[in-house]
Structure formats: C-alpha cells, structure tokens
PDB file of all heavy atoms in Angstrom:
ATOM      1  N   PRO A   1     -71.667 179.119 231.628  1.00  0.00           N
ATOM      2  CA  PRO A   1     -72.489 180.034 232.439  1.00  0.00           C
ATOM      3  C   PRO A   1     -72.718 181.398 231.771  1.00  0.00           C
ATOM      4  O   PRO A   1     -73.680 182.087 232.097  1.00  0.00           O
ATOM      5  CB  PRO A   1     -71.700 180.180 233.734  1.00  0.00           C
ATOM      6  CG  PRO A   1     -70.282 179.864 233.355  1.00  0.00           C
ATOM      7  CD  PRO A   1     -70.385 178.809 232.295  1.00  0.00           C
ATOM      8  N   ASP A   2     -71.846 181.774 230.839  1.00  0.00           N
ATOM      9  CA  ASP A   2     -71.999 183.055 230.151  1.00  0.00           C
ATOM     10  C   ASP A   2     -72.506 182.810 228.731  1.00  0.00           C
ATOM     11  O   ASP A   2     -71.902 183.236 227.745  1.00  0.00           O
ATOM     12  CB  ASP A   2     -70.669 183.812 230.128  1.00  0.00           C
ATOM     13  CG  ASP A   2     -70.813 185.250 229.640  1.00  0.00           C
ATOM     14  OD1 ASP A   2     -71.961 185.687 229.441  1.00  0.00           O
ATOM     15  OD2 ASP A   2     -69.776 185.908 229.435  1.00  0.00           O
ATOM     16  N   ALA A   3     -73.622 182.080 228.618  1.00  0.00           N
ATOM     17  CA  ALA A   3     -74.210 181.780 227.307  1.00  0.00           C
ATOM     18  C   ALA A   3     -75.004 182.978 226.808  1.00  0.00           C
ATOM     19  O   ALA A   3     -75.763 183.597 227.556  1.00  0.00           O
ATOM     20  CB  ALA A   3     -75.101 180.555 227.408  1.00  0.00           C
ATOM     21  N   ARG A   4     -74.827 183.293 225.528  1.00  0.00           N
ATOM     22  CA  ARG A   4     -75.479 184.455 224.932  1.00  0.00           C
ATOM     23  C   ARG A   4     -76.053 184.078 223.573  1.00  0.00           C
ATOM     24  O   ARG A   4     -75.858 182.980 223.070  1.00  0.00           O
ATOM     25  CB  ARG A   4     -74.478 185.597 224.744  1.00  0.00           C
ATOM     26  CG  ARG A   4     -73.629 185.906 225.974  1.00  0.00           C
ATOM     27  CD  ARG A   4     -72.643 187.024 225.679  1.00  0.00           C
ATOM     28  NE  ARG A   4     -71.714 187.242 226.781  1.00  0.00           N
ATOM     29  CZ  ARG A   4     -70.773 188.187 226.772  1.00  0.00           C
ATOM     30  NH1 ARG A   4     -70.671 188.996 225.731  1.00  0.00           N
ATOM     31  NH2 ARG A   4     -69.953 188.331 227.803  1.00  0.00           N
ATOM     32  N   GLY A   5     -76.789 185.028 222.965  1.00  0.00           N
ATOM     33  CA  GLY A   5     -77.258 184.825 221.613  1.00  0.00           C
ATOM     34  C   GLY A   5     -76.150 185.164 220.622  1.00  0.00           C
ATOM     35  O   GLY A   5     -75.143 185.774 221.005  1.00  0.00           O
ATOM     36  N   PRO A   6     -76.295 184.738 219.369  1.00  0.00           N
ATOM     37  CA  PRO A   6     -77.452 184.056 218.803  1.00  0.00           C
ATOM     38  C   PRO A   6     -77.517 182.580 219.194  1.00  0.00           C
ATOM     39  O   PRO A   6     -76.489 181.947 219.417  1.00  0.00           O
ATOM     40  CB  PRO A   6     -77.241 184.198 217.299  1.00  0.00           C
ATOM     41  CG  PRO A   6     -75.738 184.272 217.155  1.00  0.00           C
ATOM     42  CD  PRO A   6     -75.252 185.024 218.361  1.00  0.00           C
ATOM     43  N   GLU A   7     -78.751 182.078 219.277  1.00  0.00           N
ATOM     44  CA  GLU A   7     -78.942 180.666 219.623  1.00  0.00           C
ATOM     45  C   GLU A   7     -78.832 179.775 218.403  1.00  0.00           C
ATOM     46  O   GLU A   7     -78.274 178.685 218.475  1.00  0.00           O
ATOM     47  CB  GLU A   7     -80.319 180.488 220.272  1.00  0.00           C
ATOM     48  CG  GLU A   7     -80.639 179.049 220.636  1.00  0.00           C
ATOM     49  CD  GLU A   7     -81.996 178.900 221.309  1.00  0.00           C
ATOM     50  OE1 GLU A   7     -82.648 179.933 221.557  1.00  0.00           O
ATOM     51  OE2 GLU A   7     -82.402 177.751 221.580  1.00  0.00           O
ATOM     52  N   HIS A   8     -79.370 180.228 217.269  1.00  0.00           N
ATOM     53  CA  HIS A   8     -79.450 179.386 216.079  1.00  0.00           C
ATOM     54  C   HIS A   8     -78.662 179.973 214.907  1.00  0.00           C
ATOM     55  O   HIS A   8     -78.397 181.172 214.848  1.00  0.00           O
ATOM     56  CB  HIS A   8     -80.912 179.202 215.671  1.00  0.00           C
ATOM     57  CG  HIS A   8     -81.719 178.430 216.666  1.00  0.00           C
ATOM     58  ND1 HIS A   8     -81.515 177.092 216.922  1.00  0.00           N
ATOM     59  CD2 HIS A   8     -82.721 178.832 217.490  1.00  0.00           C
ATOM     60  CE1 HIS A   8     -82.364 176.689 217.856  1.00  0.00           C
ATOM     61  NE2 HIS A   8     -83.098 177.713 218.222  1.00  0.00           N
ATOM     62  N   GLN A   9     -78.346 179.108 213.977  1.00  0.00           N
ATOM     63  CA  GLN A   9     -77.610 179.498 212.781  1.00  0.00           C
ATOM     64  C   GLN A   9     -78.429 180.461 211.923  1.00  0.00           C
ATOM     65  O   GLN A   9     -79.667 180.421 211.912  1.00  0.00           O
ATOM     66  CB  GLN A   9     -77.268 178.245 211.963  1.00  0.00           C
ATOM     67  CG  GLN A   9     -76.663 178.502 210.602  1.00  0.00           C
ATOM     68  CD  GLN A   9     -75.280 179.115 210.669  1.00  0.00           C
ATOM     69  OE1 GLN A   9     -75.024 180.047 211.424  1.00  0.00           O
ATOM     70  NE2 GLN A   9     -74.354 178.599 209.881  1.00  0.00           N
ATOM     71  N   SER A  10     -77.735 181.327 211.207  1.00  0.00           N
ATOM     72  CA  SER A  10     -78.359 182.302 210.317  1.00  0.00           C
ATOM     73  C   SER A  10     -77.671 182.251 208.959  1.00  0.00           C
ATOM     74  O   SER A  10     -76.464 182.491 208.868  1.00  0.00           O
ATOM     75  CB  SER A  10     -78.245 183.713 210.913  1.00  0.00           C
ATOM     76  OG  SER A  10     -78.425 184.698 209.924  1.00  0.00           O
ATOM     77  N   ALA A  11     -78.442 181.940 207.919  1.00  0.00           N
ATOM     78  CA  ALA A  11     -77.867 181.942 206.568  1.00  0.00           C
ATOM     79  C   ALA A  11     -77.456 183.343 206.153  1.00  0.00           C
ATOM     80  O   ALA A  11     -76.564 183.507 205.325  1.00  0.00           O
ATOM     81  CB  ALA A  11     -78.865 181.359 205.571  1.00  0.00           C
ATOM     82  N   ALA A  12     -78.097 184.361 206.729  1.00  0.00           N
ATOM     83  CA  ALA A  12     -77.704 185.737 206.428  1.00  0.00           C
ATOM     84  C   ALA A  12     -76.268 185.988 206.866  1.00  0.00           C
ATOM     85  O   ALA A  12     -75.468 186.596 206.137  1.00  0.00           O
ATOM     86  CB  ALA A  12     -78.656 186.718 207.108  1.00  0.00           C
ATOM     87  N   ALA A  13     -75.925 185.520 208.076  1.00  0.00           N
ATOM     88  CA  ALA A  13     -74.551 185.660 208.556  1.00  0.00           C
ATOM     89  C   ALA A  13     -73.591 184.826 207.715  1.00  0.00           C
ATOM     90  O   ALA A  13     -72.486 185.264 207.382  1.00  0.00           O
ATOM     91  CB  ALA A  13     -74.469 185.254 210.024  1.00  0.00           C
ATOM     92  N   LEU A  14     -74.016 183.622 207.353  1.00  0.00           N
ATOM     93  CA  LEU A  14     -73.177 182.741 206.536  1.00  0.00           C
ATOM     94  C   LEU A  14     -72.901 183.382 205.179  1.00  0.00           C
ATOM     95  O   LEU A  14     -71.772 183.361 204.682  1.00  0.00           O
ATOM     96  CB  LEU A  14     -73.878 181.397 206.361  1.00  0.00           C
ATOM     97  CG  LEU A  14     -73.011 180.211 205.953  1.00  0.00           C
ATOM     98  CD1 LEU A  14     -72.107 179.781 207.106  1.00  0.00           C
ATOM     99  CD2 LEU A  14     -73.885 179.039 205.524  1.00  0.00           C
ATOM    100  N   ALA A  15     -73.933 183.973 204.581  1.00  0.00           N
ATOM    101  CA  ALA A  15     -73.763 184.629 203.284  1.00  0.00           C
ATOM    102  C   ALA A  15     -72.863 185.846 203.383  1.00  0.00           C
ATOM    103  O   ALA A  15     -72.028 186.094 202.496  1.00  0.00           O
ATOM    104  CB  ALA A  15     -75.133 185.033 202.733  1.00  0.00           C
ATOM    105  N   SER A  16     -73.015 186.614 204.453  1.00  0.00           N
ATOM    106  CA  SER A  16     -72.168 187.799 204.633  1.00  0.00           C
ATOM    107  C   SER A  16     -70.703 187.404 204.802  1.00  0.00           C
ATOM    108  O   SER A  16     -69.800 188.047 204.252  1.00  0.00           O
ATOM    109  CB  SER A  16     -72.639 188.592 205.859  1.00  0.00           C
ATOM    110  OG  SER A  16     -73.957 189.077 205.677  1.00  0.00           O
ATOM    111  N   LEU A  17     -70.468 186.336 205.560  1.00  0.00           N
ATOM    112  CA  LEU A  17     -69.102 185.837 205.730  1.00  0.00           C
ATOM    113  C   LEU A  17     -68.543 185.357 204.390  1.00  0.00           C
ATOM    114  O   LEU A  17     -67.386 185.641 204.052  1.00  0.00           O
ATOM    115  CB  LEU A  17     -69.091 184.709 206.756  1.00  0.00           C
ATOM    116  CG  LEU A  17     -67.762 183.997 206.979  1.00  0.00           C
ATOM    117  CD1 LEU A  17     -66.694 184.969 207.470  1.00  0.00           C
ATOM    118  CD2 LEU A  17     -67.934 182.849 207.985  1.00  0.00           C
ATOM    119  N   ALA A  18     -69.354 184.647 203.623  1.00  0.00           N
ATOM    120  CA  ALA A  18     -68.907 184.158 202.319  1.00  0.00           C
ATOM    121  C   ALA A  18     -68.574 185.319 201.382  1.00  0.00           C
ATOM    122  O   ALA A  18     -67.572 185.273 200.650  1.00  0.00           O
ATOM    123  CB  ALA A  18     -69.979 183.275 201.694  1.00  0.00           C
ATOM    124  N   ALA A  19     -69.388 186.363 201.392  1.00  0.00           N
ATOM    125  CA  ALA A  19     -69.127 187.524 200.531  1.00  0.00           C
ATOM    126  C   ALA A  19     -67.795 188.167 200.886  1.00  0.00           C
ATOM    127  O   ALA A  19     -67.026 188.560 199.995  1.00  0.00           O
ATOM    128  CB  ALA A  19     -70.263 188.535 200.670  1.00  0.00           C
ATOM    129  N   GLU A  20     -67.497 188.261 202.185  1.00  0.00           N
ATOM    130  CA  GLU A  20     -66.201 188.807 202.613  1.00  0.00           C
ATOM    131  C   GLU A  20     -65.053 187.937 202.122  1.00  0.00           C
ATOM    132  O   GLU A  20     -64.037 188.439 201.627  1.00  0.00           O
ATOM    133  CB  GLU A  20     -66.155 188.907 204.140  1.00  0.00           C
ATOM    134  CG  GLU A  20     -66.911 190.072 204.725  1.00  0.00           C
ATOM    135  CD  GLU A  20     -66.597 190.265 206.197  1.00  0.00           C
ATOM    136  OE1 GLU A  20     -65.646 189.612 206.702  1.00  0.00           O
ATOM    137  OE2 GLU A  20     -67.289 191.059 206.850  1.00  0.00           O
ATOM    138  N   ARG A  21     -65.216 186.630 202.263  1.00  0.00           N
ATOM    139  CA  ARG A  21     -64.135 185.718 201.871  1.00  0.00           C
ATOM    140  C   ARG A  21     -63.946 185.699 200.366  1.00  0.00           C
ATOM    141  O   ARG A  21     -62.811 185.588 199.867  1.00  0.00           O
ATOM    142  CB  ARG A  21     -64.421 184.313 202.419  1.00  0.00           C
ATOM    143  CG  ARG A  21     -64.332 184.242 203.935  1.00  0.00           C
ATOM    144  CD  ARG A  21     -64.368 182.812 204.441  1.00  0.00           C
ATOM    145  NE  ARG A  21     -64.188 182.753 205.888  1.00  0.00           N
ATOM    146  CZ  ARG A  21     -64.118 181.630 206.600  1.00  0.00           C
ATOM    147  NH1 ARG A  21     -64.221 180.460 205.983  1.00  0.00           N
ATOM    148  NH2 ARG A  21     -63.953 181.676 207.903  1.00  0.00           N
ATOM    149  N   LEU A  22     -65.021 185.786 199.619  1.00  0.00           N
ATOM    150  CA  LEU A  22     -64.898 185.855 198.163  1.00  0.00           C
ATOM    151  C   LEU A  22     -64.158 187.121 197.746  1.00  0.00           C
ATOM    152  O   LEU A  22     -63.297 187.087 196.861  1.00  0.00           O
ATOM    153  CB  LEU A  22     -66.281 185.813 197.527  1.00  0.00           C
ATOM    154  CG  LEU A  22     -66.944 184.439 197.439  1.00  0.00           C
ATOM    155  CD1 LEU A  22     -68.416 184.577 197.068  1.00  0.00           C
ATOM    156  CD2 LEU A  22     -66.216 183.554 196.433  1.00  0.00           C
ATOM    157  N   ALA A  23     -64.475 188.234 198.375  1.00  0.00           N
ATOM    158  CA  ALA A  23     -63.813 189.497 198.049  1.00  0.00           C
ATOM    159  C   ALA A  23     -62.329 189.446 198.366  1.00  0.00           C
ATOM    160  O   ALA A  23     -61.514 190.095 197.692  1.00  0.00           O
ATOM    161  CB  ALA A  23     -64.476 190.642 198.805  1.00  0.00           C
ATOM    162  N   ALA A  24     -61.963 188.656 199.396  1.00  0.00           N
ATOM    163  CA  ALA A  24     -60.567 188.547 199.801  1.00  0.00           C
ATOM    164  C   ALA A  24     -59.828 187.429 199.069  1.00  0.00           C
ATOM    165  O   ALA A  24     -58.629 187.233 199.278  1.00  0.00           O
ATOM    166  CB  ALA A  24     -60.487 188.304 201.313  1.00  0.00           C
ATOM    167  N   GLY A  25     -60.538 186.684 198.227  1.00  0.00           N
ATOM    168  CA  GLY A  25     -59.914 185.586 197.502  1.00  0.00           C
ATOM    169  C   GLY A  25     -59.604 184.384 198.370  1.00  0.00           C
ATOM    170  O   GLY A  25     -58.714 183.590 198.041  1.00  0.00           O
ATOM    171  N   ALA A  26     -60.337 184.220 199.470  1.00  0.00           N
ATOM    172  CA  ALA A  26     -60.084 183.119 200.396  1.00  0.00           C
ATOM    173  C   ALA A  26     -60.633 181.801 199.838  1.00  0.00           C
ATOM    174  O   ALA A  26     -61.514 181.789 198.974  1.00  0.00           O
ATOM    175  CB  ALA A  26     -60.721 183.414 201.748  1.00  0.00           C
ATOM    176  N   GLU A  27     -60.129 180.701 200.362  1.00  0.00           N
ATOM    177  CA  GLU A  27     -60.595 179.377 199.948  1.00  0.00           C
ATOM    178  C   GLU A  27     -61.815 178.967 200.764  1.00  0.00           C
ATOM    179  O   GLU A  27     -62.026 179.438 201.886  1.00  0.00           O
ATOM    180  CB  GLU A  27     -59.476 178.350 200.104  1.00  0.00           C
ATOM    181  CG  GLU A  27     -58.288 178.583 199.178  1.00  0.00           C
ATOM    182  CD  GLU A  27     -57.248 177.476 199.288  1.00  0.00           C
ATOM    183  OE1 GLU A  27     -57.445 176.568 200.133  1.00  0.00           O
ATOM    184  OE2 GLU A  27     -56.271 177.511 198.537  1.00  0.00           O
ATOM    185  N   PHE A  28     -62.587 178.050 200.194  1.00  0.00           N
ATOM    186  CA  PHE A  28     -63.777 177.528 200.858  1.00  0.00           C
ATOM    187  C   PHE A  28     -63.657 176.016 201.022  1.00  0.00           C
ATOM    188  O   PHE A  28     -62.809 175.373 200.398  1.00  0.00           O
ATOM    189  CB  PHE A  28     -65.034 177.854 200.047  1.00  0.00           C
ATOM    190  CG  PHE A  28     -65.409 179.313 200.079  1.00  0.00           C
ATOM    191  CD1 PHE A  28     -64.801 180.221 199.214  1.00  0.00           C
ATOM    192  CD2 PHE A  28     -66.359 179.772 200.967  1.00  0.00           C
ATOM    193  CE1 PHE A  28     -65.145 181.560 199.238  1.00  0.00           C
ATOM    194  CE2 PHE A  28     -66.708 181.111 201.007  1.00  0.00           C
ATOM    195  CZ  PHE A  28     -66.104 182.004 200.144  1.00  0.00           C
ATOM    196  N   LEU A  29     -64.519 175.452 201.844  1.00  0.00           N
ATOM    197  CA  LEU A  29     -64.578 174.017 202.024  1.00  0.00           C
ATOM    198  C   LEU A  29     -65.384 173.384 200.900  1.00  0.00           C
ATOM    199  O   LEU A  29     -66.281 174.024 200.333  1.00  0.00           O
ATOM    200  CB  LEU A  29     -65.241 173.681 203.364  1.00  0.00           C
ATOM    201  CG  LEU A  29     -64.524 174.179 204.624  1.00  0.00           C
ATOM    202  CD1 LEU A  29     -65.397 173.931 205.856  1.00  0.00           C
ATOM    203  CD2 LEU A  29     -63.176 173.490 204.776  1.00  0.00           C
ATOM    204  N   PRO A  30     -65.108 172.129 200.572  1.00  0.00           N
ATOM    205  CA  PRO A  30     -65.952 171.446 199.592  1.00  0.00           C
ATOM    206  C   PRO A  30     -67.332 171.188 200.199  1.00  0.00           C
ATOM    207  O   PRO A  30     -67.475 171.107 201.422  1.00  0.00           O
ATOM    208  CB  PRO A  30     -65.193 170.136 199.332  1.00  0.00           C
ATOM    209  CG  PRO A  30     -64.405 169.907 200.578  1.00  0.00           C
ATOM    210  CD  PRO A  30     -64.015 171.273 201.072  1.00  0.00           C
ATOM    211  N   PRO A  31     -68.368 171.047 199.379  1.00  0.00           N
ATOM    212  CA  PRO A  31     -69.718 170.822 199.889  1.00  0.00           C
ATOM    213  C   PRO A  31     -69.941 169.375 200.318  1.00  0.00           C
ATOM    214  O   PRO A  31     -70.816 168.668 199.803  1.00  0.00           O
ATOM    215  CB  PRO A  31     -70.600 171.207 198.700  1.00  0.00           C
ATOM    216  CG  PRO A  31     -69.772 170.865 197.505  1.00  0.00           C
ATOM    217  CD  PRO A  31     -68.349 171.188 197.904  1.00  0.00           C
ATOM    218  N   THR A  32     -69.140 168.937 201.256  1.00  0.00           N
ATOM    219  CA  THR A  32     -69.256 167.587 201.806  1.00  0.00           C
ATOM    220  C   THR A  32     -69.505 167.679 203.306  1.00  0.00           C
ATOM    221  O   THR A  32     -69.039 168.607 203.970  1.00  0.00           O
ATOM    222  CB  THR A  32     -67.983 166.771 201.540  1.00  0.00           C
ATOM    223  OG1 THR A  32     -66.847 167.487 202.048  1.00  0.00           O
ATOM    224  CG2 THR A  32     -67.794 166.526 200.056  1.00  0.00           C
ATOM    225  N   PRO A  33     -70.256 166.729 203.868  1.00  0.00           N
ATOM    226  CA  PRO A  33     -70.693 166.849 205.265  1.00  0.00           C
ATOM    227  C   PRO A  33     -69.569 166.684 206.273  1.00  0.00           C
ATOM    228  O   PRO A  33     -68.719 165.802 206.142  1.00  0.00           O
ATOM    229  CB  PRO A  33     -71.728 165.733 205.405  1.00  0.00           C
ATOM    230  CG  PRO A  33     -71.362 164.744 204.345  1.00  0.00           C
ATOM    231  CD  PRO A  33     -70.825 165.547 203.202  1.00  0.00           C
ATOM    232  N   LEU A  34     -69.589 167.546 207.271  1.00  0.00           N
ATOM    233  CA  LEU A  34     -68.666 167.452 208.390  1.00  0.00           C
ATOM    234  C   LEU A  34     -69.444 166.834 209.555  1.00  0.00           C
ATOM    235  O   LEU A  34     -70.138 167.528 210.288  1.00  0.00           O
ATOM    236  CB  LEU A  34     -68.148 168.850 208.759  1.00  0.00           C
ATOM    237  CG  LEU A  34     -67.117 168.962 209.884  1.00  0.00           C
ATOM    238  CD1 LEU A  34     -65.841 168.202 209.523  1.00  0.00           C
ATOM    239  CD2 LEU A  34     -66.797 170.428 210.150  1.00  0.00           C
ATOM    240  N   TYR A  35     -69.354 165.509 209.677  1.00  0.00           N
ATOM    241  CA  TYR A  35     -70.136 164.807 210.687  1.00  0.00           C
ATOM    242  C   TYR A  35     -69.438 164.761 212.046  1.00  0.00           C
ATOM    243  O   TYR A  35     -70.054 164.879 213.092  1.00  0.00           O
ATOM    244  CB  TYR A  35     -70.412 163.369 210.241  1.00  0.00           C
ATOM    245  CG  TYR A  35     -71.323 163.248 209.054  1.00  0.00           C
ATOM    246  CD1 TYR A  35     -70.990 162.425 207.979  1.00  0.00           C
ATOM    247  CD2 TYR A  35     -72.526 163.943 208.990  1.00  0.00           C
ATOM    248  CE1 TYR A  35     -71.824 162.291 206.883  1.00  0.00           C
ATOM    249  CE2 TYR A  35     -73.363 163.821 207.898  1.00  0.00           C
ATOM    250  CZ  TYR A  35     -73.014 162.984 206.848  1.00  0.00           C
ATOM    251  OH  TYR A  35     -73.831 162.857 205.766  1.00  0.00           O
ATOM    252  N   LEU A  36     -68.141 164.496 212.049  1.00  0.00           N
ATOM    253  CA  LEU A  36     -67.302 164.332 213.243  1.00  0.00           C
ATOM    254  C   LEU A  36     -67.560 163.034 213.994  1.00  0.00           C
ATOM    255  O   LEU A  36     -66.863 162.723 214.947  1.00  0.00           O
ATOM    256  CB  LEU A  36     -67.468 165.510 214.219  1.00  0.00           C
ATOM    257  CG  LEU A  36     -67.086 166.892 213.681  1.00  0.00           C
ATOM    258  CD1 LEU A  36     -67.139 167.922 214.805  1.00  0.00           C
ATOM    259  CD2 LEU A  36     -65.703 166.875 213.056  1.00  0.00           C
ATOM    260  N   ARG A  37     -68.570 162.281 213.589  1.00  0.00           N
ATOM    261  CA  ARG A  37     -68.776 160.951 214.182  1.00  0.00           C
ATOM    262  C   ARG A  37     -69.593 160.144 213.191  1.00  0.00           C
ATOM    263  O   ARG A  37     -70.243 160.673 212.294  1.00  0.00           O
ATOM    264  CB  ARG A  37     -69.482 161.039 215.522  1.00  0.00           C
ATOM    265  CG  ARG A  37     -70.897 161.573 215.475  1.00  0.00           C
ATOM    266  CD  ARG A  37     -71.434 161.758 216.884  1.00  0.00           C
ATOM    267  NE  ARG A  37     -72.802 162.247 216.843  1.00  0.00           N
ATOM    268  CZ  ARG A  37     -73.380 162.885 217.861  1.00  0.00           C
ATOM    269  NH1 ARG A  37     -72.700 163.117 218.970  1.00  0.00           N
ATOM    270  NH2 ARG A  37     -74.634 163.278 217.782  1.00  0.00           N
ATOM    271  N   ARG A  38     -69.590 158.826 213.379  1.00  0.00           N
ATOM    272  CA  ARG A  38     -70.299 157.950 212.458  1.00  0.00           C
ATOM    273  C   ARG A  38     -71.806 158.011 212.701  1.00  0.00           C
ATOM    274  O   ARG A  38     -72.248 158.273 213.817  1.00  0.00           O
ATOM    275  CB  ARG A  38     -69.807 156.510 212.629  1.00  0.00           C
ATOM    276  CG  ARG A  38     -68.404 156.287 212.066  1.00  0.00           C
ATOM    277  CD  ARG A  38     -67.874 154.920 212.409  1.00  0.00           C
ATOM    278  NE  ARG A  38     -67.581 154.819 213.832  1.00  0.00           N
ATOM    279  CZ  ARG A  38     -66.970 153.777 214.392  1.00  0.00           C
ATOM    280  NH1 ARG A  38     -66.621 152.759 213.643  1.00  0.00           N
ATOM    281  NH2 ARG A  38     -66.722 153.754 215.678  1.00  0.00           N
ATOM    282  N   PRO A  39     -72.612 157.779 211.648  1.00  0.00           N
ATOM    283  CA  PRO A  39     -74.066 157.797 211.828  1.00  0.00           C
ATOM    284  C   PRO A  39     -74.535 156.677 212.736  1.00  0.00           C
ATOM    285  O   PRO A  39     -73.820 155.697 212.960  1.00  0.00           O
ATOM    286  CB  PRO A  39     -74.595 157.614 210.402  1.00  0.00           C
ATOM    287  CG  PRO A  39     -73.477 156.961 209.664  1.00  0.00           C
ATOM    288  CD  PRO A  39     -72.213 157.489 210.261  1.00  0.00           C
ATOM    289  N   ASP A  40     -75.755 156.800 213.262  1.00  0.00           N
ATOM    290  CA  ASP A  40     -76.300 155.790 214.170  1.00  0.00           C
ATOM    291  C   ASP A  40     -76.435 154.435 213.486  1.00  0.00           C
ATOM    292  O   ASP A  40     -76.130 153.396 214.062  1.00  0.00           O
ATOM    293  CB  ASP A  40     -77.671 156.237 214.692  1.00  0.00           C
ATOM    294  CG  ASP A  40     -77.560 157.454 215.591  1.00  0.00           C
ATOM    295  OD1 ASP A  40     -76.541 157.575 216.286  1.00  0.00           O
ATOM    296  OD2 ASP A  40     -78.494 158.273 215.609  1.00  0.00           O
TER     297      ASP A  40
END
C-alpha cells in the first residue's frame, strides 16, 4: 500500500553503486543470469 518511486531500473543508479563498491574494494557478482526459476 505504500508503493513509491522509482518504478523502473536506472543504469545511472547501478553505475553509481558500482563506482562506490569499486572504490571500497568490494566484490561483484559474475555476469551470469539470476533467474530464480526455470524458463518456460
């Protein structure tokens, strides 16, 4: 009931988060898909 924006993903936010994590020496996920369920 308390739904707010943003509604959609933003690569700008993703890039900003990545820049912070790179500066902190944090680890990243491998570029493999996170499906959470099998395809149709």
